[in-house]
Every structure is written in structure tokens, then in C-alpha cells.
Amino acid sequence: MFAIVLALTACASLPPPTGELAAAQQAVTRAGDADADQYAADELSQARRALELAQTAMAQGREDDARSLAVQAAAVADLAHARSRKAVADTELAQRRAEISQLRQRLGMEDGQ
């Protein structure tokens, strides 16, 4: 009896990776919305390609490949999102520093008058 249960358990497969595919699609969309096309184009392109391959693998019934590719797509898209957000934050920080520098110069000029 135990052998039969063990054999059936070994044959049981994971559910289709629809959740992983959806998460990957959301991650790619989130990265695109964060201007990753501008700031992390290579990573976003890799994520889109991995997602496309995952969708193809799913359509061909290669669920394990689809799952792996979807997880990869999500991870690379998350990286693109993070790099894009960092680039935007760095740009904003540089702008604020320039504004502060300009204000200090103006204040310094006013003090001298």
C-alpha cells in the first residue's frame, strides 16, 4: 500500500504555472511603467524575451520550462524596475542638489550686498 501511495505521489505533477506567468507579466508591466525602457532597457528586454519564451513553452505543454522562464522573467523585470527607480531617484537627487547650490549662491550674493 505504501509503495502505491509513493508511486502516485511521484507521478503527481505541479499545477500549471499560470500564477508564475501572471506574476511575470505584472513584473514586466511594472518595470515598463517605471520607465525601464529608458533606464534599464537591456534588463527589460531580457525580461520580455523570457516571458515570451515562457508563454511559448506553456502553449507547447512544457510546464516546467514555462515555470522556470516565468520566474526568470519576473526576477529580471524586478531588477529592471529597481534600476529604473534608482536612476529616477538619482536624477531627482542631482536636481535637488543643484537647486540647493543655486539657493546657497543667491543667499551668499545677498549677504554680500
C-alpha atoms as a PDB file:
ATOM      1  CA  MET A   1       0.000   0.000   0.000  1.00  0.00           C
ATOM      2  CA  PHE A   2       2.775   2.459   0.935  1.00  0.00           C
ATOM      3  CA  ALA A   3       4.523   1.716  -2.355  1.00  0.00           C
ATOM      4  CA  ILE A   4       1.368   2.583  -4.304  1.00  0.00           C
ATOM      5  CA  VAL A   5       0.938   5.885  -2.454  1.00  0.00           C
ATOM      6  CA  LEU A   6       4.601   6.694  -3.014  1.00  0.00           C
ATOM      7  CA  ALA A   7       4.312   5.888  -6.711  1.00  0.00           C
ATOM      8  CA  LEU A   8       1.201   8.045  -7.088  1.00  0.00           C
ATOM      9  CA  THR A   9       2.853  10.915  -5.247  1.00  0.00           C
ATOM     10  CA  ALA A  10       5.891  10.702  -7.501  1.00  0.00           C
ATOM     11  CA  CYS A  11       3.661  10.860 -10.551  1.00  0.00           C
ATOM     12  CA  ALA A  12       1.714  13.854  -9.302  1.00  0.00           C
ATOM     13  CA  SER A  13       2.701  16.973 -11.160  1.00  0.00           C
ATOM     14  CA  LEU A  14       2.631  20.573 -10.127  1.00  0.00           C
ATOM     15  CA  PRO A  15      -0.301  22.688 -11.252  1.00  0.00           C
ATOM     16  CA  PRO A  16       0.192  24.679 -14.464  1.00  0.00           C
ATOM     17  CA  PRO A  17       2.354  27.762 -13.889  1.00  0.00           C
ATOM     18  CA  THR A  18      -0.430  30.238 -14.570  1.00  0.00           C
ATOM     19  CA  GLY A  19       0.370  32.125 -11.362  1.00  0.00           C
ATOM     20  CA  GLU A  20       4.019  32.409 -12.284  1.00  0.00           C
ATOM     21  CA  LEU A  21       3.128  33.619 -15.780  1.00  0.00           C
ATOM     22  CA  ALA A  22       0.745  36.223 -14.375  1.00  0.00           C
ATOM     23  CA  ALA A  23       3.351  37.404 -11.868  1.00  0.00           C
ATOM     24  CA  ALA A  24       5.947  37.689 -14.625  1.00  0.00           C
ATOM     25  CA  GLN A  25       3.540  39.697 -16.795  1.00  0.00           C
ATOM     26  CA  GLN A  26       2.804  42.026 -13.886  1.00  0.00           C
ATOM     27  CA  ALA A  27       6.510  42.472 -13.159  1.00  0.00           C
ATOM     28  CA  VAL A  28       7.247  43.315 -16.799  1.00  0.00           C
ATOM     29  CA  THR A  29       4.360  45.795 -16.843  1.00  0.00           C
ATOM     30  CA  ARG A  30       5.511  47.357 -13.559  1.00  0.00           C
ATOM     31  CA  ALA A  31       9.035  47.774 -14.946  1.00  0.00           C
ATOM     32  CA  GLY A  32       7.700  49.346 -18.120  1.00  0.00           C
ATOM     33  CA  ASP A  33       5.562  51.734 -16.080  1.00  0.00           C
ATOM     34  CA  ALA A  34       8.695  52.762 -14.152  1.00  0.00           C
ATOM     35  CA  ASP A  35      10.398  53.875 -17.399  1.00  0.00           C
ATOM     36  CA  ALA A  36      12.679  50.851 -17.530  1.00  0.00           C
ATOM     37  CA  ASP A  37      12.697  51.236 -21.327  1.00  0.00           C
ATOM     38  CA  GLN A  38      14.768  54.344 -20.729  1.00  0.00           C
ATOM     39  CA  TYR A  39      16.787  53.424 -17.650  1.00  0.00           C
ATOM     40  CA  ALA A  40      17.138  49.615 -17.784  1.00  0.00           C
ATOM     41  CA  ALA A  41      16.450  48.740 -21.401  1.00  0.00           C
ATOM     42  CA  ASP A  42      18.648  45.636 -21.525  1.00  0.00           C
ATOM     43  CA  GLU A  43      17.088  44.079 -18.452  1.00  0.00           C
ATOM     44  CA  LEU A  44      13.565  44.895 -19.583  1.00  0.00           C
ATOM     45  CA  SER A  45      14.270  43.388 -22.986  1.00  0.00           C
ATOM     46  CA  GLN A  46      15.591  40.225 -21.333  1.00  0.00           C
ATOM     47  CA  ALA A  47      12.518  40.013 -19.130  1.00  0.00           C
ATOM     48  CA  ARG A  48      10.174  40.426 -22.074  1.00  0.00           C
ATOM     49  CA  ARG A  49      12.014  37.750 -24.015  1.00  0.00           C
ATOM     50  CA  ALA A  50      11.935  35.319 -21.078  1.00  0.00           C
ATOM     51  CA  LEU A  51       8.214  35.966 -20.665  1.00  0.00           C
ATOM     52  CA  GLU A  52       7.645  35.327 -24.354  1.00  0.00           C
ATOM     53  CA  LEU A  53       9.588  32.063 -24.127  1.00  0.00           C
ATOM     54  CA  ALA A  54       7.619  31.087 -21.022  1.00  0.00           C
ATOM     55  CA  GLN A  55       4.349  31.682 -22.826  1.00  0.00           C
ATOM     56  CA  THR A  56       5.553  29.632 -25.788  1.00  0.00           C
ATOM     57  CA  ALA A  57       6.679  26.809 -23.514  1.00  0.00           C
ATOM     58  CA  MET A  58       3.295  26.851 -21.777  1.00  0.00           C
ATOM     59  CA  ALA A  59       1.476  26.677 -25.115  1.00  0.00           C
ATOM     60  CA  GLN A  60       3.626  23.686 -26.054  1.00  0.00           C
ATOM     61  CA  GLY A  61       2.842  21.894 -22.803  1.00  0.00           C
ATOM     62  CA  ARG A  62       6.331  22.287 -21.374  1.00  0.00           C
ATOM     63  CA  GLU A  63       5.109  23.455 -17.989  1.00  0.00           C
ATOM     64  CA  ASP A  64       8.402  23.018 -16.119  1.00  0.00           C
ATOM     65  CA  ASP A  65      10.201  25.149 -18.702  1.00  0.00           C
ATOM     66  CA  ALA A  66       7.370  27.672 -18.629  1.00  0.00           C
ATOM     67  CA  ARG A  67       7.590  27.906 -14.835  1.00  0.00           C
ATOM     68  CA  SER A  68      11.362  28.409 -14.844  1.00  0.00           C
ATOM     69  CA  LEU A  69      11.226  31.000 -17.600  1.00  0.00           C
ATOM     70  CA  ALA A  70       8.367  32.869 -15.924  1.00  0.00           C
ATOM     71  CA  VAL A  71      10.262  33.034 -12.640  1.00  0.00           C
ATOM     72  CA  GLN A  72      13.339  34.248 -14.524  1.00  0.00           C
ATOM     73  CA  ALA A  73      11.278  36.873 -16.377  1.00  0.00           C
ATOM     74  CA  ALA A  74       9.814  38.158 -13.119  1.00  0.00           C
ATOM     75  CA  ALA A  75      13.227  38.377 -11.458  1.00  0.00           C
ATOM     76  CA  VAL A  76      14.825  40.241 -14.352  1.00  0.00           C
ATOM     77  CA  ALA A  77      11.809  42.549 -14.629  1.00  0.00           C
ATOM     78  CA  ASP A  78      12.089  43.288 -10.900  1.00  0.00           C
ATOM     79  CA  LEU A  79      15.758  44.130 -11.438  1.00  0.00           C
ATOM     80  CA  ALA A  80      14.819  46.445 -14.325  1.00  0.00           C
ATOM     81  CA  HIS A  81      12.199  48.086 -12.125  1.00  0.00           C
ATOM     82  CA  ALA A  82      14.683  48.614  -9.301  1.00  0.00           C
ATOM     83  CA  ARG A  83      17.371  50.013 -11.593  1.00  0.00           C
ATOM     84  CA  SER A  84      14.877  52.342 -13.210  1.00  0.00           C
ATOM     85  CA  ARG A  85      13.621  53.598  -9.850  1.00  0.00           C
ATOM     86  CA  LYS A  86      17.221  54.147  -8.733  1.00  0.00           C
ATOM     87  CA  ALA A  87      18.025  56.110 -11.884  1.00  0.00           C
ATOM     88  CA  VAL A  88      14.964  58.304 -11.374  1.00  0.00           C
ATOM     89  CA  ALA A  89      15.867  58.856  -7.715  1.00  0.00           C
ATOM     90  CA  ASP A  90      19.480  59.676  -8.638  1.00  0.00           C
ATOM     91  CA  THR A  91      18.275  62.209 -11.209  1.00  0.00           C
ATOM     92  CA  GLU A  92      15.906  63.819  -8.725  1.00  0.00           C
ATOM     93  CA  LEU A  93      18.649  63.938  -6.101  1.00  0.00           C
ATOM     94  CA  ALA A  94      21.008  65.650  -8.546  1.00  0.00           C
ATOM     95  CA  GLN A  95      18.309  68.191  -9.378  1.00  0.00           C
ATOM     96  CA  ARG A  96      17.674  68.933  -5.704  1.00  0.00           C
ATOM     97  CA  ARG A  97      21.395  69.322  -5.039  1.00  0.00           C
ATOM     98  CA  ALA A  98      21.669  71.746  -7.950  1.00  0.00           C
ATOM     99  CA  GLU A  99      18.709  73.733  -6.585  1.00  0.00           C
ATOM    100  CA  ILE A 100      20.314  73.869  -3.139  1.00  0.00           C
ATOM    101  CA  SER A 101      23.590  75.016  -4.658  1.00  0.00           C
ATOM    102  CA  GLN A 102      21.816  77.760  -6.585  1.00  0.00           C
ATOM    103  CA  LEU A 103      19.960  78.889  -3.460  1.00  0.00           C
ATOM    104  CA  ARG A 104      23.195  78.997  -1.478  1.00  0.00           C
ATOM    105  CA  GLN A 105      24.832  81.083  -4.174  1.00  0.00           C
ATOM    106  CA  ARG A 106      21.902  83.512  -4.236  1.00  0.00           C
ATOM    107  CA  LEU A 107      21.918  83.762  -0.449  1.00  0.00           C
ATOM    108  CA  GLY A 108      25.655  84.325  -0.472  1.00  0.00           C
ATOM    109  CA  MET A 109      25.259  87.110  -3.031  1.00  0.00           C
ATOM    110  CA  GLU A 110      22.503  88.759  -0.986  1.00  0.00           C
ATOM    111  CA  ASP A 111      24.619  88.598   2.186  1.00  0.00           C
ATOM    112  CA  GLY A 112      27.435  90.392   0.422  1.00  0.00           C
ATOM    113  CA  GLN A 113      25.241  93.326  -0.595  1.00  0.00           C
END
